[in-house]
């Protein structure tokens, strides 16, 4: 599920680039760079999350070992960062980019069903 969030964001970013949704915006180059940074930070956060969860999933309990006490704080920061990247940032991105997308209207004729 963690990498699914990244692949959905990556696919959506590639879609935005393919349909040139950035070209109609006033700072299109900035939005393109911010999108690239977002996808890279999200994949790094997902990898960091997996690197923390996988050993603990198999019973390592890294938070109890004295050698790994330092890793608890970065893991907690990464949890919050990942949550913001998955929930908040896409809403902000759609606010700025969504109005430049084309809209498709689908009409279903129920009389012929």
Protein backbone atom coordinates (compact mmCIF):
# COMPACT_ATOMS: atom_id res chain seq x y z
CA UNK A 1 0.00 0.00 0.00
CA UNK A 2 2.91 2.33 0.72
CA UNK A 3 4.36 1.99 -2.77
CA UNK A 4 0.86 2.15 -4.25
CA UNK A 5 0.59 5.74 -3.02
CA UNK A 6 3.86 6.54 -4.76
CA UNK A 7 2.94 4.82 -8.02
CA UNK A 8 -0.42 6.64 -8.13
CA UNK A 9 1.32 9.98 -7.58
CA UNK A 10 4.00 9.14 -10.14
CA UNK A 11 1.38 8.10 -12.71
CA UNK A 12 -0.61 11.27 -12.12
CA UNK A 13 2.52 13.42 -12.45
CA UNK A 14 3.40 11.72 -15.74
CA UNK A 15 -0.19 12.26 -16.93
CA UNK A 16 0.03 15.97 -16.09
CA UNK A 17 3.26 16.21 -18.07
CA UNK A 18 1.86 14.23 -21.01
CA UNK A 19 -1.28 16.36 -21.43
CA UNK A 20 0.74 19.56 -20.89
CA UNK A 21 -1.43 20.73 -18.01
CA UNK A 22 1.49 22.83 -16.76
CA UNK A 23 1.81 24.90 -19.95
CA UNK A 24 -1.35 26.94 -19.31
CA UNK A 25 -0.15 28.03 -15.88
CA UNK A 26 1.81 31.23 -15.34
CA UNK A 27 4.85 29.52 -13.78
CA UNK A 28 4.80 26.24 -15.69
CA UNK A 29 8.49 25.47 -15.21
CA UNK A 30 8.21 25.96 -11.44
CA UNK A 31 5.21 23.59 -11.24
CA UNK A 32 7.08 21.01 -13.29
CA UNK A 33 10.10 21.18 -10.97
CA UNK A 34 7.91 21.07 -7.85
CA UNK A 35 6.14 18.00 -9.22
CA UNK A 36 9.47 16.27 -9.80
CA UNK A 37 10.63 17.14 -6.28
CA UNK A 38 7.35 15.87 -4.85
CA UNK A 39 7.63 12.49 -6.58
CA UNK A 40 11.27 12.07 -5.51
CA UNK A 41 10.61 13.02 -1.87
CA UNK A 42 7.60 10.72 -1.77
CA UNK A 43 9.56 7.71 -3.03
CA UNK A 44 12.38 8.42 -0.56
CA UNK A 45 9.87 8.66 2.26
CA UNK A 46 8.21 5.41 1.15
CA UNK A 47 11.57 3.61 1.06
CA UNK A 48 12.44 4.96 4.51
CA UNK A 49 9.08 3.81 5.81
CA UNK A 50 9.60 0.31 4.40
CA UNK A 51 13.14 0.15 5.80
CA UNK A 52 11.74 0.87 9.27
CA UNK A 53 8.63 -1.33 9.07
CA UNK A 54 10.10 -4.48 7.47
CA UNK A 55 12.53 -5.44 10.27
CA UNK A 56 9.94 -4.69 12.94
CA UNK A 57 7.37 -6.74 11.06
CA UNK A 58 9.57 -9.81 11.53
CA UNK A 59 10.09 -9.15 15.24
CA UNK A 60 13.29 -7.09 15.32
CA UNK A 61 11.76 -4.44 17.65
CA UNK A 62 14.39 -1.88 16.74
CA UNK A 63 13.00 0.71 19.16
CA UNK A 64 14.09 -1.50 22.09
CA UNK A 65 17.76 -1.94 21.08
CA UNK A 66 20.23 0.60 22.43
CA UNK A 67 22.07 0.77 19.09
CA UNK A 68 18.87 1.73 17.23
CA UNK A 69 17.36 4.25 19.66
CA UNK A 70 18.48 7.08 17.37
CA UNK A 71 16.31 5.72 14.54
CA UNK A 72 13.03 6.24 16.37
CA UNK A 73 12.99 10.02 15.89
CA UNK A 74 13.69 9.97 12.11
CA UNK A 75 11.07 7.22 11.72
CA UNK A 76 8.44 9.33 13.50
CA UNK A 77 9.35 12.38 11.40
CA UNK A 78 9.13 10.25 8.26
CA UNK A 79 5.68 8.99 9.30
CA UNK A 80 4.39 12.55 9.56
CA UNK A 81 6.11 13.58 6.31
CA UNK A 82 4.63 10.62 4.46
CA UNK A 83 1.16 11.42 5.75
CA UNK A 84 1.44 15.04 4.61
CA UNK A 85 2.80 13.98 1.21
CA UNK A 86 -0.05 11.52 0.66
CA UNK A 87 -2.99 13.53 2.04
CA UNK A 88 -2.25 17.27 1.94
CA UNK A 89 0.09 17.86 -1.02
CA UNK A 90 -2.17 16.25 -3.68
CA UNK A 91 -5.04 18.52 -2.58
CA UNK A 92 -2.83 21.57 -2.96
CA UNK A 93 -1.54 20.33 -6.32
CA UNK A 94 -5.05 19.79 -7.68
CA UNK A 95 -6.05 23.24 -6.49
CA UNK A 96 -3.37 24.84 -8.66
CA UNK A 97 -3.30 22.44 -11.62
CA UNK A 98 -6.85 21.03 -11.68
CA UNK A 99 -8.52 24.03 -13.26
CA UNK A 100 -6.33 23.74 -16.34
CA UNK A 101 -7.44 20.17 -17.08
CA UNK A 102 -10.08 19.40 -19.68
CA UNK A 103 -13.41 18.11 -18.42
CA UNK A 104 -15.25 15.15 -19.90
CA UNK A 105 -19.01 14.87 -19.44
CA UNK A 106 -20.58 11.42 -19.59
CA UNK A 107 -24.32 11.15 -20.22
CA UNK A 108 -26.16 7.87 -19.71
CA UNK A 109 -29.42 7.43 -21.56
CA UNK A 110 -31.47 5.34 -19.13
CA UNK A 111 -34.38 4.92 -21.53
CA UNK A 112 -32.37 2.57 -23.75
CA UNK A 113 -31.02 0.40 -20.93
